[in-house]
Amino acid sequence: MKKEIKKQNKWIDATRITGCLVLFFLLTVPAFGQQQKVDSSRYFNPLTDNIVKRLPPLSVLIDSAAYNSPDMHYQELKAQYYYYEQLSAQRAWLEHLSLNLDLNLGKWNFWDRDEITKRDRYYRSESIRDNYAVGFYIRFPLASIFDRRNRINKQKKWIEIALTQREINRRFLAKEVIDHYNNLVQYQNYIRIYNEYQNFTMMQMRMAQNEFMNGEISTAEYTRLKEIQTRGAINYQQAIAEFNKEYQLLEVTTGMKFNLINILR
C-alpha cells in the first residue's frame, strides 16, 4: 500500500513538473517568436535588400530636414524679430506725444504778514485745497517726420534678408540630403560589387594556395594574388563603413530615426 502511494506521488510530481514546463513553453515561445518577428522587420542586409525601399521618399526626407533644422528655425525667429522692429518703427511717432494729468489734494497752513498797518504782525490761516492740471504737448523732430518711411523700409528689408537666408539654408539642406541619400545608394552598390569581387578572389586564392603547395605557381605569383585578395577585402570593408556613415549622417540631417539594423556592420 505504501509503495503504491509513493508511486502515485511520484507520478503526480512528474505530472506537475511536466505541466509547468509545458505552460512555461506556451507562455514564452509565442512571445519570443513575436519579438523575433518584430525585430526581423528592422534587419537590413545591403546584399539582398534595397535601401531605397526601406527609407521614406526623398521629398519627405527633405521636408523633415527643413522642419528639424535649427538654421531654418533661427532664420524664422530673425524674420519675426524684424517684423516686430518694423511695428516699432511704424509706431515711433507716438513717442513725441505726451499727455500729463496732475492731481493734488491736501491741507495748507499759511502765516500772512499784516501789510496794511505795516506792523510786524502775522496772521495764521488754514485752507483745504485740491488742485488738478491736464496737459498735452506735441514735439516732433524733423528727423522723425522725414526719415520715418526710410526707417520702416529698412526693417522690411531686414525681414526680406532673413527670409532669403532661410531659403538659401533650405536649398543647401536639400542638397545635403540628396548627397547623403545618393551616397547611401551608391555605397550599397559598391558593397554588392566588392562582395562579388571578394568571393571571386577568395575562390582564386584557394585555387592558388593548392597550386602553390603543388609547386605549380611561384611565390611571386602567389603573393600577387594575395595582394589582390587583400585589396578586395579592404575595399569591401571600406564600402560597408562608408555606407554606415552616410546612413547616420542622413539620420542626423533629417532628424529621423530609420531604425534599421545593418547586418553587415
C-alpha atoms as a PDB file:
ATOM      1  CA  MET A   1       0.000   0.000   0.000  1.00  0.00           C
ATOM      2  CA  LYS A   2       2.779   2.406   0.913  1.00  0.00           C
ATOM      3  CA  LYS A   3       4.638   1.527  -2.299  1.00  0.00           C
ATOM      4  CA  GLU A   4       1.568   2.313  -4.369  1.00  0.00           C
ATOM      5  CA  ILE A   5       1.140   5.679  -2.598  1.00  0.00           C
ATOM      6  CA  LYS A   6       4.807   6.516  -3.244  1.00  0.00           C
ATOM      7  CA  LYS A   7       4.430   5.602  -6.916  1.00  0.00           C
ATOM      8  CA  GLN A   8       1.298   7.696  -7.156  1.00  0.00           C
ATOM      9  CA  ASN A   9       3.019  10.666  -5.527  1.00  0.00           C
ATOM     10  CA  LYS A  10       5.962  10.341  -7.886  1.00  0.00           C
ATOM     11  CA  TRP A  11       3.583  10.244 -10.819  1.00  0.00           C
ATOM     12  CA  ILE A  12       1.777  13.329  -9.517  1.00  0.00           C
ATOM     13  CA  ASP A  13       5.082  15.218  -9.071  1.00  0.00           C
ATOM     14  CA  ALA A  14       6.211  14.260 -12.560  1.00  0.00           C
ATOM     15  CA  THR A  15       2.879  15.376 -13.961  1.00  0.00           C
ATOM     16  CA  ARG A  16       3.162  18.727 -12.171  1.00  0.00           C
ATOM     17  CA  ILE A  17       6.696  19.304 -13.432  1.00  0.00           C
ATOM     18  CA  THR A  18       5.685  18.405 -16.981  1.00  0.00           C
ATOM     19  CA  GLY A  19       2.683  20.709 -16.783  1.00  0.00           C
ATOM     20  CA  CYS A  20       4.818  23.591 -15.549  1.00  0.00           C
ATOM     21  CA  LEU A  21       7.293  23.081 -18.366  1.00  0.00           C
ATOM     22  CA  VAL A  22       4.513  22.958 -20.952  1.00  0.00           C
ATOM     23  CA  LEU A  23       2.907  26.088 -19.517  1.00  0.00           C
ATOM     24  CA  PHE A  24       6.248  27.893 -19.485  1.00  0.00           C
ATOM     25  CA  PHE A  25       6.843  26.881 -23.082  1.00  0.00           C
ATOM     26  CA  LEU A  26       3.402  28.061 -24.189  1.00  0.00           C
ATOM     27  CA  LEU A  27       3.828  31.414 -22.452  1.00  0.00           C
ATOM     28  CA  THR A  28       7.343  32.183 -23.578  1.00  0.00           C
ATOM     29  CA  VAL A  29       7.683  30.736 -27.051  1.00  0.00           C
ATOM     30  CA  PRO A  30       4.878  32.756 -28.723  1.00  0.00           C
ATOM     31  CA  ALA A  31       6.160  35.941 -27.133  1.00  0.00           C
ATOM     32  CA  PHE A  32       9.680  35.124 -28.208  1.00  0.00           C
ATOM     33  CA  GLY A  33       8.526  34.339 -31.713  1.00  0.00           C
ATOM     34  CA  GLN A  34       6.556  37.550 -31.893  1.00  0.00           C
ATOM     35  CA  GLN A  35       9.531  39.539 -30.656  1.00  0.00           C
ATOM     36  CA  GLN A  36      11.716  37.889 -33.245  1.00  0.00           C
ATOM     37  CA  LYS A  37       9.163  38.730 -35.913  1.00  0.00           C
ATOM     38  CA  VAL A  38       9.094  42.393 -34.900  1.00  0.00           C
ATOM     39  CA  ASP A  39      12.874  42.658 -34.748  1.00  0.00           C
ATOM     40  CA  SER A  40      13.382  40.844 -38.038  1.00  0.00           C
ATOM     41  CA  SER A  41      11.449  43.563 -39.850  1.00  0.00           C
ATOM     42  CA  ARG A  42      14.174  46.006 -38.768  1.00  0.00           C
ATOM     43  CA  TYR A  43      17.032  43.912 -40.097  1.00  0.00           C
ATOM     44  CA  PHE A  44      18.634  45.217 -43.260  1.00  0.00           C
ATOM     45  CA  ASN A  45      21.074  43.349 -45.454  1.00  0.00           C
ATOM     46  CA  PRO A  46      22.729  45.564 -48.088  1.00  0.00           C
ATOM     47  CA  LEU A  47      23.473  42.476 -50.165  1.00  0.00           C
ATOM     48  CA  THR A  48      19.829  41.452 -50.596  1.00  0.00           C
ATOM     49  CA  ASP A  49      17.637  44.404 -49.540  1.00  0.00           C
ATOM     50  CA  ASN A  50      17.176  47.713 -51.328  1.00  0.00           C
ATOM     51  CA  ILE A  51      17.803  50.740 -49.139  1.00  0.00           C
ATOM     52  CA  VAL A  52      15.538  52.897 -51.320  1.00  0.00           C
ATOM     53  CA  LYS A  53      12.542  50.729 -50.412  1.00  0.00           C
ATOM     54  CA  ARG A  54      13.336  50.861 -46.695  1.00  0.00           C
ATOM     55  CA  LEU A  55      13.609  54.655 -46.448  1.00  0.00           C
ATOM     56  CA  PRO A  56      10.932  57.353 -46.814  1.00  0.00           C
ATOM     57  CA  PRO A  57      10.727  59.143 -50.189  1.00  0.00           C
ATOM     58  CA  LEU A  58      13.351  61.763 -50.901  1.00  0.00           C
ATOM     59  CA  SER A  59      10.805  64.607 -50.748  1.00  0.00           C
ATOM     60  CA  VAL A  60       9.751  63.505 -47.258  1.00  0.00           C
ATOM     61  CA  LEU A  61      13.386  63.412 -46.146  1.00  0.00           C
ATOM     62  CA  ILE A  62      13.958  66.951 -47.437  1.00  0.00           C
ATOM     63  CA  ASP A  63      10.821  68.267 -45.700  1.00  0.00           C
ATOM     64  CA  SER A  64      11.816  66.556 -42.457  1.00  0.00           C
ATOM     65  CA  ALA A  65      15.319  68.051 -42.647  1.00  0.00           C
ATOM     66  CA  ALA A  66      13.870  71.535 -43.164  1.00  0.00           C
ATOM     67  CA  TYR A  67      11.413  71.088 -40.299  1.00  0.00           C
ATOM     68  CA  ASN A  68      14.059  69.858 -37.850  1.00  0.00           C
ATOM     69  CA  SER A  69      16.841  72.222 -38.960  1.00  0.00           C
ATOM     70  CA  PRO A  70      17.970  74.698 -36.273  1.00  0.00           C
ATOM     71  CA  ASP A  71      19.325  77.003 -39.004  1.00  0.00           C
ATOM     72  CA  MET A  72      15.887  77.261 -40.592  1.00  0.00           C
ATOM     73  CA  HIS A  73      14.292  77.893 -37.214  1.00  0.00           C
ATOM     74  CA  TYR A  74      16.886  80.565 -36.437  1.00  0.00           C
ATOM     75  CA  GLN A  75      16.119  82.471 -39.631  1.00  0.00           C
ATOM     76  CA  GLU A  76      12.388  82.287 -38.942  1.00  0.00           C
ATOM     77  CA  LEU A  77      12.970  83.776 -35.493  1.00  0.00           C
ATOM     78  CA  LYS A  78      15.048  86.563 -37.044  1.00  0.00           C
ATOM     79  CA  ALA A  79      12.265  87.348 -39.523  1.00  0.00           C
ATOM     80  CA  GLN A  80       9.745  87.534 -36.670  1.00  0.00           C
ATOM     81  CA  TYR A  81      12.061  89.787 -34.678  1.00  0.00           C
ATOM     82  CA  TYR A  82      12.475  92.199 -37.573  1.00  0.00           C
ATOM     83  CA  TYR A  83       8.718  92.215 -38.086  1.00  0.00           C
ATOM     84  CA  TYR A  84       8.274  93.460 -34.522  1.00  0.00           C
ATOM     85  CA  GLU A  85      11.010  96.013 -35.157  1.00  0.00           C
ATOM     86  CA  GLN A  86       9.004  97.205 -38.157  1.00  0.00           C
ATOM     87  CA  LEU A  87       5.932  97.660 -35.967  1.00  0.00           C
ATOM     88  CA  SER A  88       8.003  99.668 -33.502  1.00  0.00           C
ATOM     89  CA  ALA A  89       9.278 101.886 -36.351  1.00  0.00           C
ATOM     90  CA  GLN A  90       5.714 102.482 -37.507  1.00  0.00           C
ATOM     91  CA  ARG A  91       4.630 103.481 -34.006  1.00  0.00           C
ATOM     92  CA  ALA A  92       7.697 105.528 -33.130  1.00  0.00           C
ATOM     93  CA  TRP A  93       5.805 108.815 -33.763  1.00  0.00           C
ATOM     94  CA  LEU A  94       3.819 108.167 -30.576  1.00  0.00           C
ATOM     95  CA  GLU A  95       6.979 108.873 -28.570  1.00  0.00           C
ATOM     96  CA  HIS A  96       6.621 112.583 -29.447  1.00  0.00           C
ATOM     97  CA  LEU A  97       3.111 112.872 -27.992  1.00  0.00           C
ATOM     98  CA  SER A  98       2.588 113.344 -24.277  1.00  0.00           C
ATOM     99  CA  LEU A  99      -0.453 113.579 -22.027  1.00  0.00           C
ATOM    100  CA  ASN A 100       0.009 114.736 -18.423  1.00  0.00           C
ATOM    101  CA  LEU A 101      -2.503 114.635 -15.596  1.00  0.00           C
ATOM    102  CA  ASP A 102      -1.701 116.134 -12.144  1.00  0.00           C
ATOM    103  CA  LEU A 103      -3.985 115.981  -9.124  1.00  0.00           C
ATOM    104  CA  ASN A 104      -3.112 117.406  -5.666  1.00  0.00           C
ATOM    105  CA  LEU A 105      -5.219 117.132  -2.537  1.00  0.00           C
ATOM    106  CA  GLY A 106      -4.204 118.484   0.877  1.00  0.00           C
ATOM    107  CA  LYS A 107      -4.366 120.922   3.758  1.00  0.00           C
ATOM    108  CA  TRP A 108      -2.226 124.034   3.796  1.00  0.00           C
ATOM    109  CA  ASN A 109      -1.254 126.355   6.679  1.00  0.00           C
ATOM    110  CA  PHE A 110      -0.108 129.922   5.965  1.00  0.00           C
ATOM    111  CA  TRP A 111       1.440 132.747   8.023  1.00  0.00           C
ATOM    112  CA  ASP A 112       0.421 136.095   6.492  1.00  0.00           C
ATOM    113  CA  ARG A 113       2.037 139.422   7.364  1.00  0.00           C
ATOM    114  CA  ASP A 114      -0.085 142.491   8.064  1.00  0.00           C
ATOM    115  CA  GLU A 115       0.835 144.745   5.170  1.00  0.00           C
ATOM    116  CA  ILE A 116      -1.960 147.260   5.846  1.00  0.00           C
ATOM    117  CA  THR A 117      -0.825 148.600   9.221  1.00  0.00           C
ATOM    118  CA  LYS A 118       2.838 147.984   8.431  1.00  0.00           C
ATOM    119  CA  ARG A 119       3.313 146.324  11.770  1.00  0.00           C
ATOM    120  CA  ASP A 120       5.283 143.202  12.362  1.00  0.00           C
ATOM    121  CA  ARG A 121       2.268 141.102  12.932  1.00  0.00           C
ATOM    122  CA  TYR A 122       1.489 137.777  11.320  1.00  0.00           C
ATOM    123  CA  TYR A 123      -1.771 136.019  10.956  1.00  0.00           C
ATOM    124  CA  ARG A 124      -2.125 132.280  10.721  1.00  0.00           C
ATOM    125  CA  SER A 125      -4.622 130.978   8.183  1.00  0.00           C
ATOM    126  CA  GLU A 126      -5.610 127.489   7.140  1.00  0.00           C
ATOM    127  CA  SER A 127      -7.078 126.262   3.842  1.00  0.00           C
ATOM    128  CA  ILE A 128      -8.007 122.963   2.262  1.00  0.00           C
ATOM    129  CA  ARG A 129      -7.444 122.875  -1.471  1.00  0.00           C
ATOM    130  CA  ASP A 130      -7.488 120.453  -4.337  1.00  0.00           C
ATOM    131  CA  ASN A 131      -5.583 121.220  -7.491  1.00  0.00           C
ATOM    132  CA  TYR A 132      -5.589 119.398 -10.790  1.00  0.00           C
ATOM    133  CA  ALA A 133      -3.991 120.088 -14.105  1.00  0.00           C
ATOM    134  CA  VAL A 134      -4.270 118.448 -17.507  1.00  0.00           C
ATOM    135  CA  GLY A 135      -1.635 118.984 -20.159  1.00  0.00           C
ATOM    136  CA  PHE A 136      -0.921 117.776 -23.673  1.00  0.00           C
ATOM    137  CA  TYR A 137       2.005 118.546 -25.919  1.00  0.00           C
ATOM    138  CA  ILE A 138       3.375 117.550 -29.303  1.00  0.00           C
ATOM    139  CA  ARG A 139       7.074 117.647 -30.113  1.00  0.00           C
ATOM    140  CA  PHE A 140       8.171 116.336 -33.486  1.00  0.00           C
ATOM    141  CA  PRO A 141      11.837 116.438 -34.501  1.00  0.00           C
ATOM    142  CA  LEU A 142      12.338 116.902 -38.222  1.00  0.00           C
ATOM    143  CA  ALA A 143      14.161 113.565 -38.478  1.00  0.00           C
ATOM    144  CA  SER A 144      11.113 111.739 -37.184  1.00  0.00           C
ATOM    145  CA  ILE A 145       8.976 113.317 -39.871  1.00  0.00           C
ATOM    146  CA  PHE A 146      11.202 112.963 -42.924  1.00  0.00           C
ATOM    147  CA  ASP A 147      13.016 109.736 -42.002  1.00  0.00           C
ATOM    148  CA  ARG A 148      10.036 107.721 -40.770  1.00  0.00           C
ATOM    149  CA  ARG A 149       9.345 105.909 -44.050  1.00  0.00           C
ATOM    150  CA  ASN A 150      13.031 105.139 -44.527  1.00  0.00           C
ATOM    151  CA  ARG A 151      13.255 103.516 -41.076  1.00  0.00           C
ATOM    152  CA  ILE A 152      10.192 101.371 -41.790  1.00  0.00           C
ATOM    153  CA  ASN A 153      11.612 100.299 -45.158  1.00  0.00           C
ATOM    154  CA  LYS A 154      14.901  99.300 -43.528  1.00  0.00           C
ATOM    155  CA  GLN A 155      13.079  96.954 -41.154  1.00  0.00           C
ATOM    156  CA  LYS A 156      11.156  95.480 -44.101  1.00  0.00           C
ATOM    157  CA  LYS A 157      14.440  94.804 -45.864  1.00  0.00           C
ATOM    158  CA  TRP A 158      15.780  93.051 -42.798  1.00  0.00           C
ATOM    159  CA  ILE A 159      12.731  90.775 -42.932  1.00  0.00           C
ATOM    160  CA  GLU A 160      13.412  90.049 -46.619  1.00  0.00           C
ATOM    161  CA  ILE A 161      17.063  89.321 -45.826  1.00  0.00           C
ATOM    162  CA  ALA A 162      16.106  86.827 -43.102  1.00  0.00           C
ATOM    163  CA  LEU A 163      13.572  85.083 -45.367  1.00  0.00           C
ATOM    164  CA  THR A 164      16.076  84.953 -48.233  1.00  0.00           C
ATOM    165  CA  GLN A 165      18.708  83.449 -45.948  1.00  0.00           C
ATOM    166  CA  ARG A 166      16.161  80.880 -44.833  1.00  0.00           C
ATOM    167  CA  GLU A 167      15.579  79.893 -48.464  1.00  0.00           C
ATOM    168  CA  ILE A 168      19.343  79.660 -49.010  1.00  0.00           C
ATOM    169  CA  ASN A 169      19.616  77.373 -45.990  1.00  0.00           C
ATOM    170  CA  ARG A 170      16.701  75.272 -47.220  1.00  0.00           C
ATOM    171  CA  ARG A 171      18.302  74.721 -50.630  1.00  0.00           C
ATOM    172  CA  PHE A 172      21.660  73.925 -49.072  1.00  0.00           C
ATOM    173  CA  LEU A 173      19.947  71.479 -46.726  1.00  0.00           C
ATOM    174  CA  ALA A 174      18.074  69.849 -49.621  1.00  0.00           C
ATOM    175  CA  LYS A 175      21.372  69.433 -51.477  1.00  0.00           C
ATOM    176  CA  GLU A 176      22.940  67.865 -48.387  1.00  0.00           C
ATOM    177  CA  VAL A 177      20.062  65.395 -48.012  1.00  0.00           C
ATOM    178  CA  ILE A 178      20.249  64.481 -51.709  1.00  0.00           C
ATOM    179  CA  ASP A 179      24.012  63.925 -51.438  1.00  0.00           C
ATOM    180  CA  HIS A 180      23.692  61.645 -48.407  1.00  0.00           C
ATOM    181  CA  TYR A 181      20.790  59.785 -49.995  1.00  0.00           C
ATOM    182  CA  ASN A 182      22.601  59.177 -53.279  1.00  0.00           C
ATOM    183  CA  ASN A 183      25.841  58.273 -51.493  1.00  0.00           C
ATOM    184  CA  LEU A 184      23.911  55.740 -49.458  1.00  0.00           C
ATOM    185  CA  VAL A 185      22.551  54.127 -52.628  1.00  0.00           C
ATOM    186  CA  GLN A 186      25.972  54.297 -54.279  1.00  0.00           C
ATOM    187  CA  TYR A 187      27.812  52.633 -51.397  1.00  0.00           C
ATOM    188  CA  GLN A 188      25.232  49.884 -51.257  1.00  0.00           C
ATOM    189  CA  ASN A 189      26.030  49.153 -54.904  1.00  0.00           C
ATOM    190  CA  TYR A 190      29.725  49.204 -54.009  1.00  0.00           C
ATOM    191  CA  ILE A 191      29.081  46.677 -51.238  1.00  0.00           C
ATOM    192  CA  ARG A 192      27.436  44.299 -53.688  1.00  0.00           C
ATOM    193  CA  ILE A 193      30.182  44.736 -56.278  1.00  0.00           C
ATOM    194  CA  TYR A 194      33.023  44.326 -53.785  1.00  0.00           C
ATOM    195  CA  ASN A 195      31.265  41.344 -52.228  1.00  0.00           C
ATOM    196  CA  GLU A 196      31.183  39.544 -55.580  1.00  0.00           C
ATOM    197  CA  TYR A 197      34.757  40.555 -56.227  1.00  0.00           C
ATOM    198  CA  GLN A 198      35.814  39.355 -52.775  1.00  0.00           C
ATOM    199  CA  ASN A 199      34.106  35.987 -53.278  1.00  0.00           C
ATOM    200  CA  PHE A 200      35.895  35.607 -56.602  1.00  0.00           C
ATOM    201  CA  THR A 201      39.301  36.499 -55.169  1.00  0.00           C
ATOM    202  CA  MET A 202      38.811  34.152 -52.209  1.00  0.00           C
ATOM    203  CA  MET A 203      38.000  31.287 -54.585  1.00  0.00           C
ATOM    204  CA  GLN A 204      41.006  32.256 -56.654  1.00  0.00           C
ATOM    205  CA  MET A 205      43.192  32.271 -53.537  1.00  0.00           C
ATOM    206  CA  ARG A 206      42.061  28.772 -52.558  1.00  0.00           C
ATOM    207  CA  MET A 207      42.996  27.538 -56.015  1.00  0.00           C
ATOM    208  CA  ALA A 208      46.283  29.461 -55.883  1.00  0.00           C
ATOM    209  CA  GLN A 209      47.084  28.002 -52.474  1.00  0.00           C
ATOM    210  CA  ASN A 210      46.664  24.468 -53.793  1.00  0.00           C
ATOM    211  CA  GLU A 211      48.741  25.290 -56.865  1.00  0.00           C
ATOM    212  CA  PHE A 212      51.439  26.869 -54.706  1.00  0.00           C
ATOM    213  CA  MET A 213      51.572  23.826 -52.455  1.00  0.00           C
ATOM    214  CA  ASN A 214      51.926  21.627 -55.536  1.00  0.00           C
ATOM    215  CA  GLY A 215      54.650  23.872 -56.950  1.00  0.00           C
ATOM    216  CA  GLU A 216      52.607  24.900 -59.988  1.00  0.00           C
ATOM    217  CA  ILE A 217      52.968  28.652 -59.366  1.00  0.00           C
ATOM    218  CA  SER A 218      55.833  30.737 -57.998  1.00  0.00           C
ATOM    219  CA  THR A 219      55.971  32.653 -54.762  1.00  0.00           C
ATOM    220  CA  ALA A 220      55.774  35.966 -56.633  1.00  0.00           C
ATOM    221  CA  GLU A 221      52.552  34.918 -58.380  1.00  0.00           C
ATOM    222  CA  TYR A 222      51.049  33.700 -55.102  1.00  0.00           C
ATOM    223  CA  THR A 223      51.980  36.994 -53.412  1.00  0.00           C
ATOM    224  CA  ARG A 224      50.413  38.982 -56.255  1.00  0.00           C
ATOM    225  CA  LEU A 225      47.137  37.062 -55.960  1.00  0.00           C
ATOM    226  CA  LYS A 226      47.181  37.514 -52.181  1.00  0.00           C
ATOM    227  CA  GLU A 227      47.585  41.281 -52.598  1.00  0.00           C
ATOM    228  CA  ILE A 228      44.609  41.326 -54.952  1.00  0.00           C
ATOM    229  CA  GLN A 229      42.508  39.372 -52.466  1.00  0.00           C
ATOM    230  CA  THR A 230      43.557  41.642 -49.575  1.00  0.00           C
ATOM    231  CA  ARG A 231      42.812  44.802 -51.552  1.00  0.00           C
ATOM    232  CA  GLY A 232      39.355  43.471 -52.406  1.00  0.00           C
ATOM    233  CA  ALA A 233      38.645  42.707 -48.744  1.00  0.00           C
ATOM    234  CA  ILE A 234      39.766  46.206 -47.738  1.00  0.00           C
ATOM    235  CA  ASN A 235      37.542  47.832 -50.373  1.00  0.00           C
ATOM    236  CA  TYR A 236      34.623  45.732 -49.183  1.00  0.00           C
ATOM    237  CA  GLN A 237      35.057  46.824 -45.569  1.00  0.00           C
ATOM    238  CA  GLN A 238      35.530  50.462 -46.585  1.00  0.00           C
ATOM    239  CA  ALA A 239      32.293  50.345 -48.573  1.00  0.00           C
ATOM    240  CA  ILE A 240      30.447  48.991 -45.518  1.00  0.00           C
ATOM    241  CA  ALA A 241      31.949  51.707 -43.298  1.00  0.00           C
ATOM    242  CA  GLU A 242      31.025  54.477 -45.765  1.00  0.00           C
ATOM    243  CA  PHE A 243      27.517  53.070 -46.089  1.00  0.00           C
ATOM    244  CA  ASN A 244      27.034  53.149 -42.322  1.00  0.00           C
ATOM    245  CA  LYS A 245      28.449  56.676 -42.133  1.00  0.00           C
ATOM    246  CA  GLU A 246      26.107  58.014 -44.816  1.00  0.00           C
ATOM    247  CA  TYR A 247      23.195  56.274 -43.096  1.00  0.00           C
ATOM    248  CA  GLN A 248      23.999  58.016 -39.802  1.00  0.00           C
ATOM    249  CA  LEU A 249      24.556  61.385 -41.481  1.00  0.00           C
ATOM    250  CA  LEU A 250      21.194  61.098 -43.209  1.00  0.00           C
ATOM    251  CA  GLU A 251      19.536  60.428 -39.856  1.00  0.00           C
ATOM    252  CA  VAL A 252      21.224  63.463 -38.281  1.00  0.00           C
ATOM    253  CA  THR A 253      20.428  65.748 -41.207  1.00  0.00           C
ATOM    254  CA  THR A 254      16.757  64.768 -41.447  1.00  0.00           C
ATOM    255  CA  GLY A 255      16.172  64.421 -37.705  1.00  0.00           C
ATOM    256  CA  MET A 256      14.594  60.993 -38.294  1.00  0.00           C
ATOM    257  CA  LYS A 257      15.368  57.540 -36.912  1.00  0.00           C
ATOM    258  CA  PHE A 258      15.034  54.831 -39.558  1.00  0.00           C
ATOM    259  CA  ASN A 259      15.616  52.040 -37.005  1.00  0.00           C
ATOM    260  CA  LEU A 260      17.279  49.702 -39.491  1.00  0.00           C
ATOM    261  CA  ILE A 261      19.751  47.172 -38.139  1.00  0.00           C
ATOM    262  CA  ASN A 262      22.556  46.654 -40.632  1.00  0.00           C
ATOM    263  CA  ILE A 263      23.651  43.033 -40.630  1.00  0.00           C
ATOM    264  CA  LEU A 264      26.983  43.858 -42.267  1.00  0.00           C
ATOM    265  CA  ARG A 265      28.309  46.098 -39.511  1.00  0.00           C
END
